Amino acid sequence: MIRVIVQICVGSSCHLKGSEDIVSLLQSAIEERNLSNDITLAGNFCTGKCNREGVTVTVDDNIYTGVTKDNFKEFFEDKILKALKEEG
């Protein structure tokens, strides 16, 4: 049963700010933790929350802006793993 849906913005602004890198980091983090049955990754187009830095990522119904390679680990632990614990 899939419990958390993570959507990465792939609109033009986020694409230029590294959405492809964030997708790769998410795929790796999910695989390393064997969470593929608990998380669904999806792309989406502009959520209207563009930020000057980083990518917009939606975790279930919560929108987060400014996700970068530098803050990815903290984002994954604080937002995605926390959401899994709350769902579980």
PDB file of N, CA and C in Angstrom:
ATOM      1  N   MET A   1       0.836  -1.188   0.000  1.00  0.00           N
ATOM      2  CA  MET A   1       0.000   0.000   0.000  1.00  0.00           C
ATOM      3  C   MET A   1       0.881   1.253   0.000  1.00  0.00           C
ATOM      4  N   ILE A   2       0.649   2.112  -0.966  1.00  0.00           N
ATOM      5  CA  ILE A   2       1.428   3.341  -1.081  1.00  0.00           C
ATOM      6  C   ILE A   2       0.816   4.388  -0.169  1.00  0.00           C
ATOM      7  N   ARG A   3       1.688   4.997   0.620  1.00  0.00           N
ATOM      8  CA  ARG A   3       1.179   5.909   1.639  1.00  0.00           C
ATOM      9  C   ARG A   3       1.495   7.368   1.394  1.00  0.00           C
ATOM     10  N   VAL A   4       2.574   7.683   0.716  1.00  0.00           N
ATOM     11  CA  VAL A   4       2.961   9.075   0.514  1.00  0.00           C
ATOM     12  C   VAL A   4       3.184   9.330  -0.979  1.00  0.00           C
ATOM     13  N   ILE A   5       2.615  10.422  -1.470  1.00  0.00           N
ATOM     14  CA  ILE A   5       2.795  10.812  -2.864  1.00  0.00           C
ATOM     15  C   ILE A   5       3.698  12.037  -2.903  1.00  0.00           C
ATOM     16  N   VAL A   6       4.800  11.920  -3.639  1.00  0.00           N
ATOM     17  CA  VAL A   6       5.764  13.004  -3.779  1.00  0.00           C
ATOM     18  C   VAL A   6       5.761  13.443  -5.240  1.00  0.00           C
ATOM     19  N   GLN A   7       5.429  14.717  -5.455  1.00  0.00           N
ATOM     20  CA  GLN A   7       5.383  15.262  -6.809  1.00  0.00           C
ATOM     21  C   GLN A   7       6.462  16.323  -6.969  1.00  0.00           C
ATOM     22  N   ILE A   8       7.272  16.185  -7.999  1.00  0.00           N
ATOM     23  CA  ILE A   8       8.349  17.118  -8.268  1.00  0.00           C
ATOM     24  C   ILE A   8       7.934  17.992  -9.443  1.00  0.00           C
ATOM     25  N   CYS A   9       8.035  19.298  -9.264  1.00  0.00           N
ATOM     26  CA  CYS A   9       7.701  20.206 -10.349  1.00  0.00           C
ATOM     27  C   CYS A   9       8.732  20.061 -11.456  1.00  0.00           C
ATOM     28  N   VAL A  10       8.254  19.881 -12.686  1.00  0.00           N
ATOM     29  CA  VAL A  10       9.137  19.799 -13.840  1.00  0.00           C
ATOM     30  C   VAL A  10       8.811  20.915 -14.836  1.00  0.00           C
ATOM     31  N   GLY A  11       8.144  21.951 -14.339  1.00  0.00           N
ATOM     32  CA  GLY A  11       7.881  23.117 -15.172  1.00  0.00           C
ATOM     33  C   GLY A  11       9.190  23.800 -15.531  1.00  0.00           C
ATOM     34  N   SER A  12       9.145  24.744 -16.440  1.00  0.00           N
ATOM     35  CA  SER A  12      10.376  25.331 -16.976  1.00  0.00           C
ATOM     36  C   SER A  12      11.249  25.969 -15.901  1.00  0.00           C
ATOM     37  N   SER A  13      10.676  26.677 -14.953  1.00  0.00           N
ATOM     38  CA  SER A  13      11.473  27.333 -13.915  1.00  0.00           C
ATOM     39  C   SER A  13      12.187  26.306 -13.038  1.00  0.00           C
ATOM     40  N   CYS A  14      11.455  25.310 -12.555  1.00  0.00           N
ATOM     41  CA  CYS A  14      12.069  24.281 -11.701  1.00  0.00           C
ATOM     42  C   CYS A  14      13.034  23.410 -12.495  1.00  0.00           C
ATOM     43  N   HIS A  15      12.718  23.178 -13.758  1.00  0.00           N
ATOM     44  CA  HIS A  15      13.635  22.400 -14.592  1.00  0.00           C
ATOM     45  C   HIS A  15      14.997  23.088 -14.656  1.00  0.00           C
ATOM     46  N   LEU A  16      14.974  24.387 -14.850  1.00  0.00           N
ATOM     47  CA  LEU A  16      16.228  25.144 -14.925  1.00  0.00           C
ATOM     48  C   LEU A  16      16.956  25.177 -13.583  1.00  0.00           C
ATOM     49  N   LYS A  17      16.211  24.995 -12.486  1.00  0.00           N
ATOM     50  CA  LYS A  17      16.805  25.047 -11.147  1.00  0.00           C
ATOM     51  C   LYS A  17      17.185  23.667 -10.619  1.00  0.00           C
ATOM     52  N   GLY A  18      17.052  22.625 -11.458  1.00  0.00           N
ATOM     53  CA  GLY A  18      17.567  21.322 -11.070  1.00  0.00           C
ATOM     54  C   GLY A  18      16.564  20.249 -10.720  1.00  0.00           C
ATOM     55  N   SER A  19      15.359  20.323 -11.260  1.00  0.00           N
ATOM     56  CA  SER A  19      14.378  19.285 -10.912  1.00  0.00           C
ATOM     57  C   SER A  19      14.859  17.882 -11.290  1.00  0.00           C
ATOM     58  N   GLU A  20      15.623  17.766 -12.367  1.00  0.00           N
ATOM     59  CA  GLU A  20      16.141  16.461 -12.770  1.00  0.00           C
ATOM     60  C   GLU A  20      17.065  15.893 -11.689  1.00  0.00           C
ATOM     61  N   ASP A  21      17.886  16.748 -11.086  1.00  0.00           N
ATOM     62  CA  ASP A  21      18.763  16.306  -9.994  1.00  0.00           C
ATOM     63  C   ASP A  21      17.959  15.855  -8.781  1.00  0.00           C
ATOM     64  N   ILE A  22      16.891  16.587  -8.470  1.00  0.00           N
ATOM     65  CA  ILE A  22      16.061  16.247  -7.306  1.00  0.00           C
ATOM     66  C   ILE A  22      15.362  14.908  -7.548  1.00  0.00           C
ATOM     67  N   VAL A  23      14.892  14.679  -8.758  1.00  0.00           N
ATOM     68  CA  VAL A  23      14.270  13.387  -9.090  1.00  0.00           C
ATOM     69  C   VAL A  23      15.271  12.262  -8.860  1.00  0.00           C
ATOM     70  N   SER A  24      16.488  12.426  -9.332  1.00  0.00           N
ATOM     71  CA  SER A  24      17.521  11.395  -9.161  1.00  0.00           C
ATOM     72  C   SER A  24      17.838  11.160  -7.686  1.00  0.00           C
ATOM     73  N   LEU A  25      17.947  12.240  -6.925  1.00  0.00           N
ATOM     74  CA  LEU A  25      18.213  12.102  -5.487  1.00  0.00           C
ATOM     75  C   LEU A  25      17.072  11.381  -4.781  1.00  0.00           C
ATOM     76  N   LEU A  26      15.844  11.711  -5.146  1.00  0.00           N
ATOM     77  CA  LEU A  26      14.689  11.033  -4.546  1.00  0.00           C
ATOM     78  C   LEU A  26      14.686   9.551  -4.893  1.00  0.00           C
ATOM     79  N   GLN A  27      14.930   9.231  -6.154  1.00  0.00           N
ATOM     80  CA  GLN A  27      14.948   7.827  -6.561  1.00  0.00           C
ATOM     81  C   GLN A  27      16.005   7.055  -5.781  1.00  0.00           C
ATOM     82  N   SER A  28      17.178   7.631  -5.629  1.00  0.00           N
ATOM     83  CA  SER A  28      18.252   6.965  -4.894  1.00  0.00           C
ATOM     84  C   SER A  28      17.909   6.793  -3.423  1.00  0.00           C
ATOM     85  N   ALA A  29      17.389   7.845  -2.801  1.00  0.00           N
ATOM     86  CA  ALA A  29      17.055   7.785  -1.373  1.00  0.00           C
ATOM     87  C   ALA A  29      15.962   6.756  -1.105  1.00  0.00           C
ATOM     88  N   ILE A  30      14.988   6.681  -1.979  1.00  0.00           N
ATOM     89  CA  ILE A  30      13.900   5.705  -1.826  1.00  0.00           C
ATOM     90  C   ILE A  30      14.434   4.287  -2.002  1.00  0.00           C
ATOM     91  N   GLU A  31      15.277   4.087  -2.998  1.00  0.00           N
ATOM     92  CA  GLU A  31      15.853   2.759  -3.248  1.00  0.00           C
ATOM     93  C   GLU A  31      16.747   2.319  -2.090  1.00  0.00           C
ATOM     94  N   GLU A  32      17.603   3.226  -1.608  1.00  0.00           N
ATOM     95  CA  GLU A  32      18.521   2.899  -0.515  1.00  0.00           C
ATOM     96  C   GLU A  32      17.779   2.473   0.751  1.00  0.00           C
ATOM     97  N   ARG A  33      16.611   3.059   0.975  1.00  0.00           N
ATOM     98  CA  ARG A  33      15.838   2.768   2.188  1.00  0.00           C
ATOM     99  C   ARG A  33      14.734   1.742   1.951  1.00  0.00           C
ATOM    100  N   ASN A  34      14.696   1.182   0.729  1.00  0.00           N
ATOM    101  CA  ASN A  34      13.701   0.174   0.379  1.00  0.00           C
ATOM    102  C   ASN A  34      12.273   0.674   0.636  1.00  0.00           C
ATOM    103  N   LEU A  35      11.987   1.889   0.159  1.00  0.00           N
ATOM    104  CA  LEU A  35      10.685   2.520   0.388  1.00  0.00           C
ATOM    105  C   LEU A  35       9.822   2.584  -0.866  1.00  0.00           C
ATOM    106  N   SER A  36      10.179   1.829  -1.894  1.00  0.00           N
ATOM    107  CA  SER A  36       9.441   1.934  -3.157  1.00  0.00           C
ATOM    108  C   SER A  36       7.973   1.530  -3.030  1.00  0.00           C
ATOM    109  N   ASN A  37       7.636   0.728  -2.048  1.00  0.00           N
ATOM    110  CA  ASN A  37       6.236   0.360  -1.833  1.00  0.00           C
ATOM    111  C   ASN A  37       5.481   1.390  -0.998  1.00  0.00           C
ATOM    112  N   ASP A  38       6.201   2.331  -0.416  1.00  0.00           N
ATOM    113  CA  ASP A  38       5.585   3.318   0.478  1.00  0.00           C
ATOM    114  C   ASP A  38       5.480   4.707  -0.119  1.00  0.00           C
ATOM    115  N   ILE A  39       6.212   4.967  -1.198  1.00  0.00           N
ATOM    116  CA  ILE A  39       6.260   6.298  -1.788  1.00  0.00           C
ATOM    117  C   ILE A  39       6.022   6.206  -3.286  1.00  0.00           C
ATOM    118  N   THR A  40       5.159   7.070  -3.795  1.00  0.00           N
ATOM    119  CA  THR A  40       4.960   7.204  -5.225  1.00  0.00           C
ATOM    120  C   THR A  40       5.596   8.511  -5.665  1.00  0.00           C
ATOM    121  N   LEU A  41       6.470   8.436  -6.653  1.00  0.00           N
ATOM    122  CA  LEU A  41       7.073   9.638  -7.238  1.00  0.00           C
ATOM    123  C   LEU A  41       6.313   9.993  -8.502  1.00  0.00           C
ATOM    124  N   ALA A  42       6.058  11.288  -8.666  1.00  0.00           N
ATOM    125  CA  ALA A  42       5.372  11.764  -9.863  1.00  0.00           C
ATOM    126  C   ALA A  42       5.895  13.146 -10.212  1.00  0.00           C
ATOM    127  N   GLY A  43       5.783  13.489 -11.471  1.00  0.00           N
ATOM    128  CA  GLY A  43       6.110  14.837 -11.904  1.00  0.00           C
ATOM    129  C   GLY A  43       4.825  15.644 -11.999  1.00  0.00           C
ATOM    130  N   ASN A  44       4.948  16.935 -11.850  1.00  0.00           N
ATOM    131  CA  ASN A  44       3.807  17.815 -12.087  1.00  0.00           C
ATOM    132  C   ASN A  44       4.325  19.119 -12.666  1.00  0.00           C
ATOM    133  N   PHE A  45       3.426  19.861 -13.258  1.00  0.00           N
ATOM    134  CA  PHE A  45       3.826  21.140 -13.811  1.00  0.00           C
ATOM    135  C   PHE A  45       3.573  22.226 -12.785  1.00  0.00           C
ATOM    136  N   CYS A  46       3.860  23.413 -13.121  1.00  0.00           N
ATOM    137  CA  CYS A  46       3.921  24.537 -12.188  1.00  0.00           C
ATOM    138  C   CYS A  46       2.771  24.551 -11.176  1.00  0.00           C
ATOM    139  N   THR A  47       3.150  24.665  -9.911  1.00  0.00           N
ATOM    140  CA  THR A  47       2.169  24.777  -8.831  1.00  0.00           C
ATOM    141  C   THR A  47       1.891  26.237  -8.495  1.00  0.00           C
ATOM    142  N   GLY A  48       2.598  27.138  -9.171  1.00  0.00           N
ATOM    143  CA  GLY A  48       2.422  28.563  -8.913  1.00  0.00           C
ATOM    144  C   GLY A  48       3.172  29.046  -7.688  1.00  0.00           C
ATOM    145  N   LYS A  49       4.105  28.248  -7.204  1.00  0.00           N
ATOM    146  CA  LYS A  49       4.868  28.592  -5.996  1.00  0.00           C
ATOM    147  C   LYS A  49       6.353  28.741  -6.322  1.00  0.00           C
ATOM    148  N   CYS A  50       6.670  29.216  -7.511  1.00  0.00           N
ATOM    149  CA  CYS A  50       8.062  29.337  -7.933  1.00  0.00           C
ATOM    150  C   CYS A  50       8.870  30.136  -6.914  1.00  0.00           C
ATOM    151  N   ASN A  51      10.091  29.720  -6.734  1.00  0.00           N
ATOM    152  CA  ASN A  51      10.995  30.338  -5.781  1.00  0.00           C
ATOM    153  C   ASN A  51      12.249  30.756  -6.532  1.00  0.00           C
ATOM    154  N   ARG A  52      12.989  31.673  -5.984  1.00  0.00           N
ATOM    155  CA  ARG A  52      14.207  32.124  -6.657  1.00  0.00           C
ATOM    156  C   ARG A  52      15.279  31.052  -6.689  1.00  0.00           C
ATOM    157  N   GLU A  53      15.213  30.140  -5.751  1.00  0.00           N
ATOM    158  CA  GLU A  53      16.222  29.086  -5.669  1.00  0.00           C
ATOM    159  C   GLU A  53      15.539  27.751  -5.456  1.00  0.00           C
ATOM    160  N   GLY A  54      16.005  26.736  -6.126  1.00  0.00           N
ATOM    161  CA  GLY A  54      15.529  25.384  -5.882  1.00  0.00           C
ATOM    162  C   GLY A  54      14.233  25.023  -6.577  1.00  0.00           C
ATOM    163  N   VAL A  55      13.799  23.820  -6.275  1.00  0.00           N
ATOM    164  CA  VAL A  55      12.676  23.167  -6.924  1.00  0.00           C
ATOM    165  C   VAL A  55      11.497  23.093  -5.960  1.00  0.00           C
ATOM    166  N   THR A  56      10.291  23.122  -6.511  1.00  0.00           N
ATOM    167  CA  THR A  56       9.085  22.957  -5.712  1.00  0.00           C
ATOM    168  C   THR A  56       8.706  21.479  -5.694  1.00  0.00           C
ATOM    169  N   VAL A  57       8.485  20.953  -4.484  1.00  0.00           N
ATOM    170  CA  VAL A  57       8.120  19.546  -4.306  1.00  0.00           C
ATOM    171  C   VAL A  57       6.878  19.490  -3.428  1.00  0.00           C
ATOM    172  N   THR A  58       5.908  18.684  -3.838  1.00  0.00           N
ATOM    173  CA  THR A  58       4.686  18.485  -3.062  1.00  0.00           C
ATOM    174  C   THR A  58       4.743  17.106  -2.417  1.00  0.00           C
ATOM    175  N   VAL A  59       4.544  17.063  -1.111  1.00  0.00           N
ATOM    176  CA  VAL A  59       4.493  15.811  -0.363  1.00  0.00           C
ATOM    177  C   VAL A  59       3.074  15.683   0.149  1.00  0.00           C
ATOM    178  N   ASP A  60       2.331  14.719  -0.399  1.00  0.00           N
ATOM    179  CA  ASP A  60       0.895  14.620  -0.193  1.00  0.00           C
ATOM    180  C   ASP A  60       0.288  15.975  -0.561  1.00  0.00           C
ATOM    181  N   ASP A  61      -0.282  16.715   0.368  1.00  0.00           N
ATOM    182  CA  ASP A  61      -0.901  17.999   0.029  1.00  0.00           C
ATOM    183  C   ASP A  61      -0.073  19.202   0.461  1.00  0.00           C
ATOM    184  N   ASN A  62       1.148  18.962   0.928  1.00  0.00           N
ATOM    185  CA  ASN A  62       1.999  20.049   1.410  1.00  0.00           C
ATOM    186  C   ASN A  62       3.010  20.436   0.340  1.00  0.00           C
ATOM    187  N   ILE A  63       3.077  21.734   0.030  1.00  0.00           N
ATOM    188  CA  ILE A  63       3.971  22.241  -1.003  1.00  0.00           C
ATOM    189  C   ILE A  63       5.196  22.858  -0.341  1.00  0.00           C
ATOM    190  N   TYR A  64       6.378  22.427  -0.808  1.00  0.00           N
ATOM    191  CA  TYR A  64       7.652  22.938  -0.294  1.00  0.00           C
ATOM    192  C   TYR A  64       8.444  23.538  -1.448  1.00  0.00           C
ATOM    193  N   THR A  65       8.991  24.713  -1.227  1.00  0.00           N
ATOM    194  CA  THR A  65       9.774  25.370  -2.263  1.00  0.00           C
ATOM    195  C   THR A  65      11.248  25.384  -1.866  1.00  0.00           C
ATOM    196  N   GLY A  66      12.090  25.611  -2.852  1.00  0.00           N
ATOM    197  CA  GLY A  66      13.510  25.795  -2.577  1.00  0.00           C
ATOM    198  C   GLY A  66      14.294  24.532  -2.279  1.00  0.00           C
ATOM    199  N   VAL A  67      13.842  23.385  -2.780  1.00  0.00           N
ATOM    200  CA  VAL A  67      14.580  22.139  -2.551  1.00  0.00           C
ATOM    201  C   VAL A  67      15.770  22.107  -3.521  1.00  0.00           C
ATOM    202  N   THR A  68      16.962  21.928  -2.972  1.00  0.00           N
ATOM    203  CA  THR A  68      18.191  21.897  -3.764  1.00  0.00           C
ATOM    204  C   THR A  68      18.997  20.649  -3.417  1.00  0.00           C
ATOM    205  N   LYS A  69      20.054  20.415  -4.183  1.00  0.00           N
ATOM    206  CA  LYS A  69      20.951  19.305  -3.857  1.00  0.00           C
ATOM    207  C   LYS A  69      21.556  19.506  -2.473  1.00  0.00           C
ATOM    208  N   ASP A  70      21.831  20.744  -2.110  1.00  0.00           N
ATOM    209  CA  ASP A  70      22.463  21.040  -0.822  1.00  0.00           C
ATOM    210  C   ASP A  70      21.561  20.767   0.380  1.00  0.00           C
ATOM    211  N   ASN A  71      20.258  21.024   0.242  1.00  0.00           N
ATOM    212  CA  ASN A  71      19.365  20.812   1.386  1.00  0.00           C
ATOM    213  C   ASN A  71      18.497  19.565   1.230  1.00  0.00           C
ATOM    214  N   PHE A  72      18.792  18.753   0.218  1.00  0.00           N
ATOM    215  CA  PHE A  72      17.954  17.584  -0.059  1.00  0.00           C
ATOM    216  C   PHE A  72      17.866  16.622   1.113  1.00  0.00           C
ATOM    217  N   LYS A  73      18.998  16.265   1.693  1.00  0.00           N
ATOM    218  CA  LYS A  73      18.999  15.274   2.773  1.00  0.00           C
ATOM    219  C   LYS A  73      18.094  15.720   3.919  1.00  0.00           C
ATOM    220  N   GLU A  74      18.223  16.970   4.316  1.00  0.00           N
ATOM    221  CA  GLU A  74      17.379  17.502   5.388  1.00  0.00           C
ATOM    222  C   GLU A  74      15.908  17.488   4.973  1.00  0.00           C
ATOM    223  N   PHE A  75      15.626  17.893   3.732  1.00  0.00           N
ATOM    224  CA  PHE A  75      14.254  17.878   3.229  1.00  0.00           C
ATOM    225  C   PHE A  75      13.683  16.465   3.267  1.00  0.00           C
ATOM    226  N   PHE A  76      14.439  15.490   2.772  1.00  0.00           N
ATOM    227  CA  PHE A  76      13.955  14.112   2.726  1.00  0.00           C
ATOM    228  C   PHE A  76      13.635  13.600   4.124  1.00  0.00           C
ATOM    229  N   GLU A  77      14.532  13.845   5.053  1.00  0.00           N
ATOM    230  CA  GLU A  77      14.321  13.363   6.424  1.00  0.00           C
ATOM    231  C   GLU A  77      13.177  14.104   7.121  1.00  0.00           C
ATOM    232  N   ASP A  78      13.156  15.429   6.989  1.00  0.00           N
ATOM    233  CA  ASP A  78      12.177  16.237   7.717  1.00  0.00           C
ATOM    234  C   ASP A  78      10.781  16.197   7.122  1.00  0.00           C
ATOM    235  N   LYS A  79      10.670  16.067   5.822  1.00  0.00           N
ATOM    236  CA  LYS A  79       9.351  16.153   5.186  1.00  0.00           C
ATOM    237  C   LYS A  79       8.822  14.797   4.713  1.00  0.00           C
ATOM    238  N   ILE A  80       9.649  14.025   4.034  1.00  0.00           N
ATOM    239  CA  ILE A  80       9.150  12.774   3.460  1.00  0.00           C
ATOM    240  C   ILE A  80       9.136  11.649   4.481  1.00  0.00           C
ATOM    241  N   LEU A  81      10.253  11.434   5.171  1.00  0.00           N
ATOM    242  CA  LEU A  81      10.258  10.377   6.188  1.00  0.00           C
ATOM    243  C   LEU A  81       9.297  10.686   7.320  1.00  0.00           C
ATOM    244  N   LYS A  82       9.183  11.946   7.682  1.00  0.00           N
ATOM    245  CA  LYS A  82       8.218  12.346   8.731  1.00  0.00           C
ATOM    246  C   LYS A  82       6.785  12.050   8.268  1.00  0.00           C
ATOM    247  N   ALA A  83       6.486  12.349   6.996  1.00  0.00           N
ATOM    248  CA  ALA A  83       5.153  12.068   6.467  1.00  0.00           C
ATOM    249  C   ALA A  83       4.855  10.564   6.486  1.00  0.00           C
ATOM    250  N   LEU A  84       5.864   9.749   6.199  1.00  0.00           N
ATOM    251  CA  LEU A  84       5.684   8.289   6.255  1.00  0.00           C
ATOM    252  C   LEU A  84       5.361   7.842   7.672  1.00  0.00           C
ATOM    253  N   LYS A  85       6.073   8.382   8.648  1.00  0.00           N
ATOM    254  CA  LYS A  85       5.836   8.010  10.047  1.00  0.00           C
ATOM    255  C   LYS A  85       4.427   8.415  10.482  1.00  0.00           C
ATOM    256  N   GLU A  86       3.989   9.587  10.044  1.00  0.00           N
ATOM    257  CA  GLU A  86       2.655  10.058  10.419  1.00  0.00           C
ATOM    258  C   GLU A  86       1.560   9.201   9.780  1.00  0.00           C
ATOM    259  N   GLU A  87       1.815   8.723   8.553  1.00  0.00           N
ATOM    260  CA  GLU A  87       0.836   7.873   7.872  1.00  0.00           C
ATOM    261  C   GLU A  87       0.789   6.476   8.474  1.00  0.00           C
ATOM    262  N   GLY A  88       1.964   6.025   8.979  1.00  0.00           N
ATOM    263  CA  GLY A  88       2.091   4.657   9.482  1.00  0.00           C
ATOM    264  C   GLY A  88       1.444   4.507  10.804  1.00  0.00           C
TER     265      GLY A  88
END
